[in-house]
Amino acid sequence: MKTSFISSLAVQNAMRMTVQKGQMEIQTLQKEIVTGRYADIGEALGASAGRSVALNQEVYRLETIRGANSIVTQRLSASQLALTSMADQAQSMLEAFIAVSGADDTSRLNVANQQLTNAVDSFTSAINTSSNGEYIFGGVNTDTKPLADYQSAGSAAKATFDGAFLGYFGFTQNDPAAAGITTAQMSDFLTNTLEPLYTGTAWNTDWSTASDNNITSRISRTELVESNTNSNTEGVRKFALAAVIGLELLGSPISSEVRSLVNSEAIKHAGEAVTKIDNVRSSLGVAESRVKKANTALEAQVRIFELHIGDLEGVDAYEASTRMNSLLAQVETSYQLTARLQQLSLMNFL
């Protein structure tokens, strides 16, 4: 029989390698126990790792859409609040016109004028609302105030009205000569001179800097919605037209018959403003509902993908814990053996 000699240094080195390997595996198992998934997906899944990557990318994409939907929801909510205020101001203006129907009393007309002034101020403030640094009624032009203030100094819309009235009648709206205006003349002025200023290109010159195109947001893999509106909608134009008619003409020195005609036209446009603004509110309400349903669907899709990912990447936490405890015991034994080996010396046997 042949006897081989093994040095204590070789045995110590072997033990040290065993300990290092065990410690690395323990770290891997600890990570798997905490995360519930393989520490090295490529090594664990092999050819199926590509499927895992694809599923995780899909989850990331869906979560990105859900995150963007929170901004869409906030924008729509802010738009609805502003539209509610705008509709209230349009209704207030309509009631002010109705209250002075057939009236020539100066005090009543002054009260109506004050109501109109307040309504226009509040309407302008509401439509120039911003959310997250964006003007929500600017369409895709979110960086500038969408609607000019008619009652501010240097108002282009005010200058345009004054010029249109003077050009048509030959005198200003507050000139005593306005008493000689006939109903036919006023009707023609309102219909063929003033109204086109609010339906044509002059609107974008004097009043609005908004775009007709609204922000389009993707709320799911297949759905797109318009997530805001703009100040070029018919309801806003009708409000502005009714307000200008009331502010500029109701208190002017015109005859009772002409004032009745003016008030009737103002009531018509104010009523249309209320209706058209409510239509926009309904449209955005539908968009809000679609976003809510899309979020519910996205949440369900994410859960399904995560279940598939769990089936691929998931580890048995109980098995991993048992394996780690076994390794800890082995490492502890290796520590003890290494300590014993380090104590071996020929001096002890001499």
Protein backbone atom coordinates (compact mmCIF):
# COMPACT_ATOMS: atom_id res chain seq x y z
CA MET A 1 0.00 0.00 0.00
CA LYS A 2 1.25 3.44 -0.94
CA THR A 3 0.87 6.38 1.41
CA SER A 4 0.53 9.96 0.06
CA PHE A 5 1.37 13.04 2.03
CA ILE A 6 -1.00 16.02 2.15
CA SER A 7 0.16 19.29 3.63
CA SER A 8 -1.96 21.22 6.11
CA LEU A 9 -1.65 24.30 3.84
CA ALA A 10 -3.40 22.49 0.97
CA VAL A 11 -6.21 21.46 3.28
CA GLN A 12 -6.59 25.03 4.57
CA ASN A 13 -6.74 26.41 1.05
CA ALA A 14 -9.40 23.87 0.11
CA MET A 15 -11.45 24.87 3.12
CA ARG A 16 -11.06 28.57 2.30
CA MET A 17 -12.36 27.98 -1.23
CA THR A 18 -15.30 26.06 0.16
CA VAL A 19 -16.12 28.91 2.51
CA GLN A 20 -15.88 31.54 -0.25
CA LYS A 21 -18.12 29.52 -2.54
CA GLY A 22 -20.62 28.99 0.24
CA GLN A 23 -20.67 32.69 1.14
CA MET A 24 -21.33 33.68 -2.48
CA GLU A 25 -24.19 31.19 -2.75
CA ILE A 26 -25.63 32.43 0.54
CA GLN A 27 -25.66 36.02 -0.80
CA THR A 28 -27.44 34.80 -3.93
CA LEU A 29 -30.04 32.92 -1.90
CA GLN A 30 -30.59 35.90 0.40
CA LYS A 31 -31.30 38.08 -2.65
CA GLU A 32 -33.72 35.50 -4.05
CA ILE A 33 -35.56 35.19 -0.73
CA VAL A 34 -35.97 38.98 -0.49
CA THR A 35 -36.95 39.62 -4.12
CA GLY A 36 -38.81 36.37 -4.76
CA ARG A 37 -37.09 35.96 -8.13
CA TYR A 38 -33.93 34.38 -9.46
CA ALA A 39 -30.78 36.40 -8.79
CA ASP A 40 -29.46 35.63 -12.27
CA ILE A 41 -32.34 35.36 -14.72
CA GLY A 42 -30.13 34.44 -17.67
CA GLU A 43 -28.48 31.58 -15.83
CA ALA A 44 -31.74 30.30 -14.33
CA LEU A 45 -33.97 30.53 -17.41
CA GLY A 46 -31.53 30.06 -20.26
CA ALA A 47 -33.39 30.34 -23.58
CA SER A 48 -36.56 31.49 -21.77
CA ALA A 49 -34.81 34.63 -20.54
CA GLY A 50 -35.86 36.46 -23.71
CA ARG A 51 -39.50 35.86 -22.87
CA SER A 52 -38.90 37.26 -19.38
CA VAL A 53 -37.32 40.40 -20.82
CA ALA A 54 -40.24 40.89 -23.23
CA LEU A 55 -42.81 40.52 -20.44
CA ASN A 56 -40.98 42.98 -18.20
CA GLN A 57 -40.76 45.50 -21.04
CA GLU A 58 -44.50 45.22 -21.59
CA VAL A 59 -45.17 45.80 -17.90
CA TYR A 60 -42.88 48.87 -17.99
CA ARG A 61 -44.74 50.22 -21.04
CA LEU A 62 -48.13 49.74 -19.41
CA GLU A 63 -46.95 51.36 -16.19
CA THR A 64 -45.63 54.31 -18.20
CA ILE A 65 -49.06 54.78 -19.78
CA ARG A 66 -50.70 54.58 -16.35
CA GLY A 67 -48.31 57.23 -15.06
CA ALA A 68 -49.11 59.50 -18.00
CA ASN A 69 -52.83 58.92 -17.42
CA SER A 70 -52.53 60.53 -13.99
CA ILE A 71 -51.46 63.76 -15.72
CA VAL A 72 -54.31 63.39 -18.23
CA THR A 73 -56.78 62.91 -15.38
CA GLN A 74 -55.47 66.01 -13.60
CA ARG A 75 -55.72 68.08 -16.79
CA LEU A 76 -59.27 66.92 -17.47
CA SER A 77 -60.30 67.57 -13.88
CA ALA A 78 -58.89 71.11 -13.98
CA SER A 79 -60.65 71.70 -17.31
CA GLN A 80 -63.97 70.56 -15.86
CA LEU A 81 -63.64 72.86 -12.87
CA ALA A 82 -62.88 75.82 -15.14
CA LEU A 83 -65.72 74.94 -17.51
CA THR A 84 -68.13 74.76 -14.59
CA SER A 85 -67.16 78.30 -13.61
CA MET A 86 -67.41 79.46 -17.22
CA ALA A 87 -70.88 77.93 -17.59
CA ASP A 88 -71.96 79.65 -14.35
CA GLN A 89 -70.75 83.01 -15.65
CA ALA A 90 -72.54 82.50 -18.96
CA GLN A 91 -75.72 81.68 -17.05
CA SER A 92 -75.24 84.76 -14.86
CA MET A 93 -74.84 86.90 -17.96
CA LEU A 94 -77.97 85.40 -19.50
CA GLU A 95 -79.96 86.17 -16.35
CA ALA A 96 -78.68 89.74 -16.37
CA PHE A 97 -79.96 90.22 -19.92
CA ILE A 98 -83.32 88.68 -19.09
CA ALA A 99 -83.65 90.92 -16.03
CA VAL A 100 -83.46 94.10 -18.14
CA SER A 101 -85.66 92.96 -21.03
CA GLY A 102 -87.76 95.95 -22.14
CA ALA A 103 -86.15 98.21 -19.51
CA ASP A 104 -84.77 101.71 -20.12
CA ASP A 105 -84.22 102.55 -16.46
CA THR A 106 -80.65 103.75 -16.01
CA SER A 107 -80.19 102.21 -12.58
CA ARG A 108 -81.32 98.78 -13.78
CA LEU A 109 -79.06 99.02 -16.80
CA ASN A 110 -76.14 99.99 -14.54
CA VAL A 111 -76.75 96.96 -12.32
CA ALA A 112 -76.85 94.73 -15.39
CA ASN A 113 -73.64 96.30 -16.66
CA GLN A 114 -71.91 95.56 -13.36
CA GLN A 115 -73.11 91.95 -13.50
CA LEU A 116 -71.76 91.67 -17.05
CA THR A 117 -68.43 93.15 -16.00
CA ASN A 118 -68.08 90.65 -13.14
CA ALA A 119 -69.10 87.75 -15.39
CA VAL A 120 -66.54 88.66 -18.04
CA ASP A 121 -63.78 89.04 -15.43
CA SER A 122 -64.56 85.65 -13.87
CA PHE A 123 -64.94 83.96 -17.25
CA THR A 124 -61.59 85.30 -18.46
CA SER A 125 -59.89 84.21 -15.24
CA ALA A 126 -61.37 80.70 -15.51
CA ILE A 127 -60.44 80.18 -19.14
CA ASN A 128 -56.86 81.30 -18.45
CA THR A 129 -56.45 78.63 -15.79
CA SER A 130 -53.17 76.72 -15.80
CA SER A 131 -52.33 73.24 -14.51
CA ASN A 132 -48.80 71.89 -14.09
CA GLY A 133 -47.49 75.00 -15.83
CA GLU A 134 -49.78 74.53 -18.86
CA TYR A 135 -52.72 76.69 -19.95
CA ILE A 136 -55.44 74.08 -20.26
CA PHE A 137 -57.57 76.02 -22.76
CA GLY A 138 -54.75 76.66 -25.21
CA GLY A 139 -55.18 73.46 -27.21
CA VAL A 140 -51.64 72.42 -28.10
CA ASN A 141 -50.47 76.00 -27.44
CA THR A 142 -50.04 75.53 -23.70
CA ASP A 143 -47.40 78.18 -23.10
CA THR A 144 -49.46 81.37 -23.59
CA LYS A 145 -52.68 82.71 -22.07
CA PRO A 146 -55.44 81.57 -24.41
CA LEU A 147 -57.87 84.48 -24.09
CA ALA A 148 -57.27 88.24 -23.98
CA ASP A 149 -58.99 90.40 -21.37
CA TYR A 150 -61.54 92.55 -23.17
CA GLN A 151 -61.70 95.05 -20.31
CA SER A 152 -57.96 95.60 -19.97
CA ALA A 153 -56.25 98.77 -21.18
CA GLY A 154 -55.25 98.57 -24.83
CA SER A 155 -57.62 95.69 -25.60
CA ALA A 156 -57.43 94.83 -29.30
CA ALA A 157 -60.98 93.46 -29.28
CA LYS A 158 -62.30 96.69 -27.73
CA ALA A 159 -60.47 98.76 -30.36
CA THR A 160 -61.89 96.54 -33.12
CA PHE A 161 -65.45 97.01 -31.86
CA ASP A 162 -65.07 100.76 -31.57
CA GLY A 163 -63.66 100.93 -35.08
CA ALA A 164 -66.40 98.71 -36.51
CA PHE A 165 -69.18 100.77 -34.91
CA LEU A 166 -67.66 104.06 -35.97
CA GLY A 167 -67.07 102.78 -39.49
CA TYR A 168 -70.67 101.56 -39.85
CA PHE A 169 -72.60 104.44 -38.22
CA GLY A 170 -70.17 107.34 -38.48
CA PHE A 171 -70.22 108.07 -34.73
CA THR A 172 -69.36 106.26 -31.50
CA GLN A 173 -71.75 104.10 -29.53
CA ASN A 174 -71.99 106.70 -26.73
CA ASP A 175 -72.66 109.64 -29.06
CA PRO A 176 -76.16 111.20 -28.66
CA ALA A 177 -76.59 110.61 -32.38
CA ALA A 178 -77.02 106.90 -31.53
CA ALA A 179 -80.63 107.72 -30.65
CA GLY A 180 -81.35 107.94 -34.38
CA ILE A 181 -80.23 104.36 -35.13
CA THR A 182 -83.07 102.25 -36.51
CA THR A 183 -83.77 98.62 -35.65
CA ALA A 184 -82.97 97.63 -39.24
CA GLN A 185 -79.58 99.34 -39.05
CA MET A 186 -78.72 97.79 -35.69
CA SER A 187 -79.85 94.35 -36.84
CA ASP A 188 -77.66 94.62 -39.94
CA PHE A 189 -74.70 95.83 -37.89
CA LEU A 190 -74.99 93.02 -35.35
CA THR A 191 -75.50 90.30 -37.96
CA ASN A 192 -73.24 91.32 -40.83
CA THR A 193 -70.54 93.47 -39.20
CA LEU A 194 -70.12 92.46 -35.57
CA GLU A 195 -70.86 88.71 -35.58
CA PRO A 196 -68.30 87.88 -38.33
CA LEU A 197 -65.62 89.34 -36.05
CA TYR A 198 -66.31 86.42 -33.70
CA THR A 199 -66.61 83.66 -36.26
CA GLY A 200 -63.74 84.55 -38.61
CA THR A 201 -60.02 85.20 -38.44
CA ALA A 202 -60.42 88.40 -36.39
CA TRP A 203 -61.11 86.18 -33.39
CA ASN A 204 -57.57 84.83 -33.46
CA THR A 205 -56.18 88.32 -33.93
CA ASP A 206 -58.12 90.12 -31.18
CA TRP A 207 -59.10 87.46 -28.68
CA SER A 208 -57.46 84.06 -28.79
CA THR A 209 -53.91 82.70 -29.01
CA ALA A 210 -55.08 79.11 -28.65
CA SER A 211 -54.78 76.40 -31.26
CA ASP A 212 -57.83 74.67 -32.72
CA ASN A 213 -55.97 71.38 -32.23
CA ASN A 214 -56.21 69.90 -28.74
CA ILE A 215 -53.71 67.72 -26.90
CA THR A 216 -54.13 64.06 -27.85
CA SER A 217 -53.09 61.57 -25.20
CA ARG A 218 -52.62 57.80 -25.43
CA ILE A 219 -54.52 56.26 -22.54
CA SER A 220 -54.02 52.60 -23.46
CA ARG A 221 -52.24 50.53 -26.09
CA THR A 222 -55.03 51.24 -28.59
CA GLU A 223 -56.95 54.32 -27.33
CA LEU A 224 -56.34 58.02 -27.86
CA VAL A 225 -58.37 60.88 -26.34
CA GLU A 226 -58.33 64.65 -26.51
CA SER A 227 -57.33 65.63 -22.99
CA ASN A 228 -58.07 69.37 -23.11
CA THR A 229 -60.02 71.95 -25.06
CA ASN A 230 -59.35 75.47 -26.37
CA SER A 231 -60.68 79.00 -26.33
CA ASN A 232 -61.72 78.85 -29.99
CA THR A 233 -64.80 76.74 -29.32
CA GLU A 234 -68.18 78.12 -30.28
CA GLY A 235 -69.31 78.49 -26.68
CA VAL A 236 -66.42 80.83 -25.86
CA ARG A 237 -67.01 82.89 -29.01
CA LYS A 238 -70.72 83.19 -28.25
CA PHE A 239 -70.00 84.28 -24.68
CA ALA A 240 -67.61 86.96 -25.90
CA LEU A 241 -70.08 88.21 -28.53
CA ALA A 242 -72.97 88.40 -26.05
CA ALA A 243 -70.77 90.14 -23.47
CA VAL A 244 -69.55 92.79 -25.93
CA ILE A 245 -73.08 93.50 -27.16
CA GLY A 246 -74.22 93.98 -23.57
CA LEU A 247 -71.25 96.01 -22.36
CA GLU A 248 -71.07 98.32 -25.35
CA LEU A 249 -74.67 98.80 -26.45
CA LEU A 250 -77.20 98.22 -23.66
CA GLY A 251 -76.24 101.45 -21.88
CA SER A 252 -75.77 103.55 -25.01
CA PRO A 253 -78.29 106.34 -25.87
CA ILE A 254 -80.30 104.21 -28.31
CA SER A 255 -84.08 104.06 -28.61
CA SER A 256 -86.19 101.61 -26.61
CA GLU A 257 -86.98 99.57 -29.72
CA VAL A 258 -83.31 99.27 -30.67
CA ARG A 259 -82.31 98.44 -27.05
CA SER A 260 -84.95 95.71 -27.04
CA LEU A 261 -83.43 94.31 -30.24
CA VAL A 262 -79.91 94.50 -28.76
CA ASN A 263 -81.04 92.75 -25.60
CA SER A 264 -82.80 90.05 -27.61
CA GLU A 265 -79.64 89.37 -29.63
CA ALA A 266 -77.57 89.27 -26.44
CA ILE A 267 -79.97 86.77 -24.84
CA LYS A 268 -79.78 84.56 -27.94
CA HIS A 269 -75.99 84.45 -27.98
CA ALA A 270 -75.72 84.04 -24.19
CA GLY A 271 -78.12 81.09 -24.31
CA GLU A 272 -76.05 79.51 -27.08
CA ALA A 273 -72.92 80.05 -24.99
CA VAL A 274 -74.41 78.15 -22.05
CA THR A 275 -75.43 75.26 -24.31
CA LYS A 276 -72.13 75.07 -26.20
CA ILE A 277 -70.03 75.23 -23.03
CA ASP A 278 -72.08 72.42 -21.52
CA ASN A 279 -71.47 70.38 -24.68
CA VAL A 280 -67.71 70.74 -24.16
CA ARG A 281 -68.13 69.69 -20.53
CA SER A 282 -69.96 66.59 -21.68
CA SER A 283 -67.26 65.77 -24.21
CA LEU A 284 -64.51 66.04 -21.59
CA GLY A 285 -66.65 64.00 -19.22
CA VAL A 286 -66.68 61.18 -21.76
CA ALA A 287 -62.89 61.47 -22.00
CA GLU A 288 -62.62 61.25 -18.19
CA SER A 289 -64.75 58.10 -18.21
CA ARG A 290 -62.59 56.53 -20.92
CA VAL A 291 -59.41 57.28 -18.97
CA LYS A 292 -60.88 55.70 -15.85
CA LYS A 293 -61.86 52.56 -17.75
CA ALA A 294 -58.47 52.46 -19.46
CA ASN A 295 -56.71 52.60 -16.09
CA THR A 296 -58.81 49.69 -14.85
CA ALA A 297 -57.94 47.66 -17.95
CA LEU A 298 -54.25 48.56 -17.66
CA GLU A 299 -54.19 47.48 -14.04
CA ALA A 300 -55.70 44.12 -14.96
CA GLN A 301 -53.20 43.67 -17.82
CA VAL A 302 -50.26 44.46 -15.54
CA ARG A 303 -51.47 41.89 -13.02
CA ILE A 304 -51.70 39.23 -15.75
CA PHE A 305 -48.21 39.98 -17.02
CA GLU A 306 -46.83 39.96 -13.49
CA LEU A 307 -48.37 36.53 -12.90
CA HIS A 308 -46.60 35.21 -16.01
CA ILE A 309 -43.36 36.84 -14.90
CA GLY A 310 -43.76 35.30 -11.47
CA ASP A 311 -44.17 31.86 -13.03
CA LEU A 312 -40.96 32.37 -15.01
CA GLU A 313 -38.76 34.18 -12.53
CA GLY A 314 -40.26 33.22 -9.20
CA VAL A 315 -38.34 31.08 -6.72
CA ASP A 316 -39.62 28.83 -3.94
CA ALA A 317 -38.83 30.96 -0.91
CA TYR A 318 -39.16 27.96 1.44
CA GLU A 319 -36.74 25.88 -0.62
CA ALA A 320 -34.28 28.79 -0.90
CA SER A 321 -34.48 29.40 2.85
CA THR A 322 -33.83 25.73 3.59
CA ARG A 323 -30.90 25.68 1.20
CA MET A 324 -29.46 28.83 2.78
CA ASN A 325 -29.71 27.38 6.29
CA SER A 326 -27.91 24.25 5.07
CA LEU A 327 -25.15 26.36 3.53
CA LEU A 328 -24.82 28.41 6.70
CA ALA A 329 -24.30 25.20 8.64
CA GLN A 330 -21.70 24.02 6.13
CA VAL A 331 -19.86 27.32 6.25
CA GLU A 332 -19.88 27.26 10.03
CA THR A 333 -18.44 23.73 9.98
CA SER A 334 -15.77 24.87 7.51
CA TYR A 335 -14.86 27.72 9.85
CA GLN A 336 -14.40 25.26 12.72
CA LEU A 337 -12.31 22.84 10.62
CA THR A 338 -10.15 25.68 9.34
CA ALA A 339 -9.52 26.81 12.90
CA ARG A 340 -8.54 23.28 13.91
CA LEU A 341 -6.19 22.93 10.95
CA GLN A 342 -4.53 26.21 11.74
CA GLN A 343 -3.69 24.83 15.16
CA LEU A 344 -1.84 21.82 13.70
CA SER A 345 1.93 22.04 14.22
CA LEU A 346 4.81 19.52 14.33
CA MET A 347 5.96 21.24 17.46
CA ASN A 348 3.01 19.66 19.23
CA PHE A 349 4.37 16.18 18.44
CA LEU A 350 8.06 16.71 19.14
